Structure formats: C-alpha cells, structure tokens
Amino acid sequence: MLLALTAGLLLALAGCATGPGAHPQDPLEPYNRAMSEFNDGVDTILLTPAATLYKEALPRPVRTGVGNFFANLADLWSFVNNVLQGQGRAAADSLARFGINSFIGIGGVFDVASEAGIERHKQDFGLTLARWGIPSGPYLVLPLLGPSTLRDTAALPADTWGDLAWHARPVRTRNGLYVLRFADRRAAFLGATAVRDAAALDPYTFTRDLYLGARERQSGRNAADSDGRLPEEDE
C-alpha cells in the first residue's frame, strides 16, 4: 500500500515537473538535483572521511576478504533472481558459487569459485522486474542511496529481504554488517567523485546518464542472453 501511494505521488510530481527541455526519463529533475547535492554534502562531510579511515586502517588483503564476504552473500540472492528470470545456467553458477565459497572459502572470505572458473552472474529484483516487462519509470535520486528509478525503488523491499545481512541477529550485528559493507564499498571508490567532476561539465547529468545507460544495458542483456552475466563495467 505504501509503495502504491509513493508511486502515485511520484507520478503526480512527474506530471507537474515535465517541461519542454526536460530529459524524458528525468521529469523530477529539480528534486533529483537537490537530493544529489544533499547526498554529495553528506559524502564529503561524513562518508568519504569514514571510508578513508577504513582504507588506511585495514591492509588490502583484509579489505579484499571483506569484499569477497559480502559478494558471496549477494550470490544467493542472485541465484533467486536468476531462477525468477529463467536463467538456468546463471542460477546454477550462482548457487555453486555460494556453496563453494561459503564452505571452502571460509564463509566467502576467499573467492575459491572464481579461481575455479565459475562466473558471477549478479542480479537484483529490479532487473527481474525488467525481465518481466515492467518499465523503469522516471529517474529518481534517493536519500543517501543515490541514483535509482521508480522500478528499482519499488524493488528495494524485496532486495532488502533477500539480503542475508538483513536477517543477521541481534540487530546490532546486522547494523554492524551494514556499516562495514558500506565502508568497504565507499573505500573502493575513493576519488571517484573528483574524477566525475573533472570529466563532466555537469556532474549531475553525467551520473544520471551513466546510471540509466548501465541499467538499460543490464536489463537488455537479461532479455537477450541466456547466462544473465553482467559485465564488470556495468557493476
């Protein structure tokens, strides 16, 4: 019910914000720009310093293990989405990766499956909805989470439920896992904002077009390919 009300409100706002010079997928541009500025401010003040401290405090092998651990958790949800999309080979690979890395790779800290030549087929419920023919809807910048679309935002509850870290208990353990994962991901992209700002006259449109283009390629491959694999540049 809440999702339906949110979708209706966003669509109403989209109708009000559409103008002759508006990007066809970005009718909420005034809101999106304001939220992007807010997110960039939080990133500069809080997130980048935290990620820098994380990177300086932990040696590279430890950070690699952390990244492998969370990627292994994601492989199980990718398995579910590959099944829902009818991607048999990708689903088998995802399940095999999760089993091998969980047991032989010590909880996924070591990526034994990749060394064995088993490819990762990363998927989420937003791409599953795309596979089922649901359009992306307007571009939407979420607080702290950043670029999204109406379809990907509607998929967030399912993606949250499918995240094994979400089910960790007690709650403080779950929250600790979320903080650790975010720090690891942000540390991997330190300097990315500076590169974006230097590469584009308008960082907002650069980020928007990059995100929409990547998601379109990913959903297009879901419809056309049999393995469901996403290239590294789209990830």
Protein backbone atom coordinates (compact mmCIF):
# COMPACT_ATOMS: atom_id res chain seq x y z
CA MET A 1 0.00 0.00 0.00
CA LEU A 2 2.81 2.38 0.92
CA LEU A 3 4.61 1.60 -2.33
CA ALA A 4 1.46 2.29 -4.32
CA LEU A 5 0.96 5.65 -2.60
CA THR A 6 4.61 6.56 -3.14
CA ALA A 7 4.44 5.61 -6.80
CA GLY A 8 1.27 7.66 -7.26
CA LEU A 9 2.83 10.70 -5.60
CA LEU A 10 5.97 10.46 -7.73
CA LEU A 11 3.97 10.11 -10.91
CA ALA A 12 1.90 13.14 -9.95
CA LEU A 13 5.06 15.13 -9.31
CA ALA A 14 6.44 13.92 -12.62
CA GLY A 15 3.45 15.34 -14.43
CA CYS A 16 3.95 18.69 -12.74
CA ALA A 17 7.69 18.83 -13.37
CA THR A 18 7.70 17.93 -17.07
CA GLY A 19 8.78 20.76 -19.33
CA PRO A 20 9.89 21.22 -22.95
CA GLY A 21 13.57 20.89 -22.05
CA ALA A 22 13.20 18.02 -19.59
CA HIS A 23 15.02 14.72 -20.04
CA PRO A 24 12.32 12.15 -20.93
CA GLN A 25 13.37 9.88 -18.05
CA ASP A 26 14.02 12.69 -15.58
CA PRO A 27 10.79 14.64 -15.05
CA LEU A 28 11.72 15.06 -11.37
CA GLU A 29 14.99 16.83 -12.16
CA PRO A 30 14.59 19.75 -9.70
CA TYR A 31 14.04 17.35 -6.82
CA ASN A 32 16.74 14.97 -8.05
CA ARG A 33 19.33 17.75 -8.31
CA ALA A 34 18.55 18.94 -4.79
CA MET A 35 18.83 15.41 -3.41
CA SER A 36 22.09 14.87 -5.31
CA GLU A 37 23.54 17.99 -3.71
CA PHE A 38 22.43 16.75 -0.30
CA ASN A 39 23.99 13.34 -0.89
CA ASP A 40 27.25 14.90 -2.12
CA GLY A 41 27.35 17.06 1.00
CA VAL A 42 26.88 14.07 3.31
CA ASP A 43 29.51 12.18 1.34
CA THR A 44 32.05 14.99 1.65
CA ILE A 45 31.47 15.64 5.34
CA LEU A 46 30.91 12.13 6.67
CA LEU A 47 31.20 9.21 4.28
CA THR A 48 34.46 9.94 2.50
CA PRO A 49 36.39 10.54 5.75
CA ALA A 50 34.97 7.31 7.21
CA ALA A 51 35.90 5.34 4.10
CA THR A 52 39.39 6.89 4.08
CA LEU A 53 39.91 5.85 7.70
CA TYR A 54 38.69 2.33 6.86
CA LYS A 55 41.10 2.06 3.95
CA GLU A 56 44.04 3.33 5.96
CA ALA A 57 43.27 1.12 8.95
CA LEU A 58 42.93 -2.20 7.11
CA PRO A 59 45.52 -3.73 4.75
CA ARG A 60 44.45 -4.64 1.22
CA PRO A 61 44.18 -8.44 1.82
CA VAL A 62 41.75 -7.82 4.69
CA ARG A 63 39.66 -5.44 2.59
CA THR A 64 39.63 -7.98 -0.24
CA GLY A 65 38.31 -10.60 2.17
CA VAL A 66 35.58 -8.23 3.37
CA GLY A 67 34.52 -7.52 -0.20
CA ASN A 68 34.52 -11.24 -1.02
CA PHE A 69 32.38 -11.99 2.04
CA PHE A 70 29.64 -9.56 1.05
CA ALA A 71 29.79 -10.55 -2.61
CA ASN A 72 29.24 -14.14 -1.53
CA LEU A 73 26.13 -13.16 0.42
CA ALA A 74 24.83 -11.43 -2.72
CA ASP A 75 25.35 -14.56 -4.82
CA LEU A 76 22.47 -16.31 -3.04
CA TRP A 77 20.04 -13.50 -3.90
CA SER A 78 21.40 -13.51 -7.44
CA PHE A 79 20.56 -17.22 -7.57
CA VAL A 80 16.94 -16.46 -6.63
CA ASN A 81 16.63 -13.70 -9.22
CA ASN A 82 18.24 -15.81 -11.94
CA VAL A 83 15.65 -18.51 -11.18
CA LEU A 84 12.84 -15.96 -11.38
CA GLN A 85 14.23 -14.78 -14.73
CA GLY A 86 14.50 -18.30 -16.12
CA GLN A 87 18.30 -18.10 -16.37
CA GLY A 88 19.12 -21.74 -15.66
CA ARG A 89 22.87 -21.75 -16.20
CA ALA A 90 23.34 -18.47 -14.32
CA ALA A 91 21.24 -19.77 -11.43
CA ALA A 92 23.33 -22.94 -11.22
CA ASP A 93 26.55 -20.93 -11.25
CA SER A 94 25.26 -18.57 -8.54
CA LEU A 95 24.24 -21.43 -6.28
CA ALA A 96 27.52 -23.25 -6.88
CA ARG A 97 29.48 -20.09 -6.11
CA PHE A 98 27.62 -19.59 -2.83
CA GLY A 99 28.11 -23.18 -1.73
CA ILE A 100 31.78 -23.41 -2.67
CA ASN A 101 32.78 -20.03 -1.26
CA SER A 102 30.72 -20.47 1.92
CA PHE A 103 32.32 -23.80 2.84
CA ILE A 104 35.69 -24.00 1.11
CA GLY A 105 36.21 -20.23 1.03
CA ILE A 106 35.59 -19.88 4.79
CA GLY A 107 32.31 -18.02 4.68
CA GLY A 108 33.14 -16.34 1.38
CA VAL A 109 36.28 -14.57 2.60
CA PHE A 110 38.20 -16.35 -0.17
CA ASP A 111 36.73 -16.41 -3.69
CA VAL A 112 37.52 -20.02 -4.50
CA ALA A 113 34.71 -20.23 -7.07
CA SER A 114 36.25 -17.56 -9.30
CA GLU A 115 39.58 -19.34 -9.17
CA ALA A 116 37.74 -22.47 -10.29
CA GLY A 117 36.32 -20.57 -13.28
CA ILE A 118 32.73 -20.25 -12.06
CA GLU A 119 31.48 -16.84 -13.17
CA ARG A 120 29.45 -14.42 -11.08
CA HIS A 121 26.00 -13.52 -12.50
CA LYS A 122 24.97 -10.56 -10.37
CA GLN A 123 21.25 -9.85 -10.37
CA ASP A 124 18.70 -7.93 -8.29
CA PHE A 125 14.93 -7.74 -8.17
CA GLY A 126 14.85 -4.54 -10.21
CA LEU A 127 16.41 -6.45 -13.11
CA THR A 128 13.95 -9.28 -12.53
CA LEU A 129 11.07 -6.80 -12.87
CA ALA A 130 12.68 -5.58 -16.10
CA ARG A 131 12.83 -9.17 -17.33
CA TRP A 132 9.10 -9.41 -16.63
CA GLY A 133 8.45 -6.41 -18.84
CA ILE A 134 7.98 -3.69 -16.21
CA PRO A 135 9.36 -0.34 -17.49
CA SER A 136 11.96 1.54 -15.47
CA GLY A 137 9.82 4.62 -14.87
CA PRO A 138 11.36 8.01 -14.08
CA TYR A 139 14.87 8.51 -12.77
CA LEU A 140 14.92 9.04 -9.02
CA VAL A 141 17.71 10.04 -6.61
CA LEU A 142 17.18 8.51 -3.18
CA PRO A 143 18.47 9.99 0.08
CA LEU A 144 21.93 8.51 0.79
CA LEU A 145 21.32 5.58 -1.59
CA GLY A 146 21.75 7.74 -4.68
CA PRO A 147 20.68 7.02 -8.29
CA SER A 148 17.67 4.80 -8.87
CA THR A 149 14.47 4.58 -10.92
CA LEU A 150 10.87 4.13 -9.86
CA ARG A 151 11.10 0.43 -10.74
CA ASP A 152 14.35 -0.08 -8.83
CA THR A 153 12.95 1.81 -5.85
CA ALA A 154 9.85 -0.40 -5.84
CA ALA A 155 12.19 -3.42 -5.84
CA LEU A 156 14.07 -2.24 -2.75
CA PRO A 157 11.87 -4.06 -0.18
CA ALA A 158 12.43 -7.36 -1.98
CA ASP A 159 16.17 -6.71 -2.37
CA THR A 160 16.39 -5.82 1.32
CA TRP A 161 14.57 -9.01 2.32
CA GLY A 162 16.83 -11.05 0.03
CA ASP A 163 19.96 -9.61 1.63
CA LEU A 164 21.31 -12.16 4.10
CA ALA A 165 22.88 -9.38 6.17
CA TRP A 166 19.38 -8.02 6.82
CA HIS A 167 18.48 -11.23 8.68
CA ALA A 168 21.52 -11.16 10.98
CA ARG A 169 20.65 -11.04 14.67
CA PRO A 170 20.94 -9.39 17.09
CA VAL A 171 20.10 -6.10 15.40
CA ARG A 172 23.43 -4.54 16.39
CA THR A 173 25.18 -7.31 14.43
CA ARG A 174 23.04 -6.55 11.39
CA ASN A 175 23.77 -2.83 11.69
CA GLY A 176 27.47 -3.53 12.08
CA LEU A 177 27.46 -5.58 8.89
CA TYR A 178 25.72 -2.76 7.04
CA VAL A 179 28.26 -0.20 8.23
CA LEU A 180 31.17 -2.48 7.32
CA ARG A 181 29.78 -3.18 3.86
CA PHE A 182 29.16 0.47 3.14
CA ALA A 183 32.65 1.47 4.30
CA ASP A 184 34.18 -1.22 2.11
CA ARG A 185 32.20 -0.20 -0.97
CA ARG A 186 32.85 3.51 -0.48
CA ALA A 187 36.56 2.90 0.09
CA ALA A 188 36.73 1.11 -3.26
CA PHE A 189 35.57 4.28 -5.00
CA LEU A 190 37.55 6.92 -3.16
CA GLY A 191 38.41 9.63 -5.65
CA ALA A 192 35.53 8.69 -7.96
CA THR A 193 33.67 11.91 -7.21
CA ALA A 194 36.71 14.02 -8.14
CA VAL A 195 37.12 12.07 -11.38
CA ARG A 196 33.43 12.56 -12.19
CA ASP A 197 33.60 16.28 -11.51
CA ALA A 198 36.70 16.65 -13.69
CA ALA A 199 35.24 14.60 -16.53
CA ALA A 200 31.87 16.31 -16.83
CA LEU A 201 30.63 19.88 -17.19
CA ASP A 202 27.52 18.83 -15.27
CA PRO A 203 28.23 16.04 -12.75
CA TYR A 204 24.51 15.50 -12.19
CA THR A 205 23.70 14.66 -15.81
CA PHE A 206 26.91 12.62 -16.09
CA THR A 207 25.85 10.44 -13.15
CA ARG A 208 22.24 10.18 -14.33
CA ASP A 209 23.13 9.16 -17.88
CA LEU A 210 25.75 6.69 -16.65
CA TYR A 211 23.28 5.03 -14.31
CA LEU A 212 20.39 4.88 -16.76
CA GLY A 213 22.66 3.59 -19.52
CA ALA A 214 24.09 0.85 -17.30
CA ARG A 215 20.67 -0.32 -16.12
CA GLU A 216 19.33 -0.31 -19.67
CA ARG A 217 22.23 -2.47 -20.83
CA GLN A 218 21.77 -4.83 -17.92
CA SER A 219 18.03 -5.25 -18.44
CA GLY A 220 18.59 -5.62 -22.18
CA ARG A 221 21.03 -8.45 -21.60
CA ASN A 222 18.53 -10.09 -19.27
CA ALA A 223 16.04 -10.21 -22.15
CA ALA A 224 18.50 -11.39 -24.77
CA ASP A 225 21.17 -13.52 -23.07
CA SER A 226 20.92 -16.96 -21.62
CA ASP A 227 23.54 -16.62 -18.89
CA GLY A 228 22.40 -13.42 -17.18
CA ARG A 229 26.01 -12.30 -16.65
CA LEU A 230 26.68 -8.60 -16.18
CA PRO A 231 30.00 -7.15 -17.36
CA GLU A 232 32.28 -5.57 -14.77
CA GLU A 233 31.85 -2.06 -16.18
CA ASP A 234 28.09 -2.18 -15.52
CA GLU A 235 28.61 -3.40 -11.97
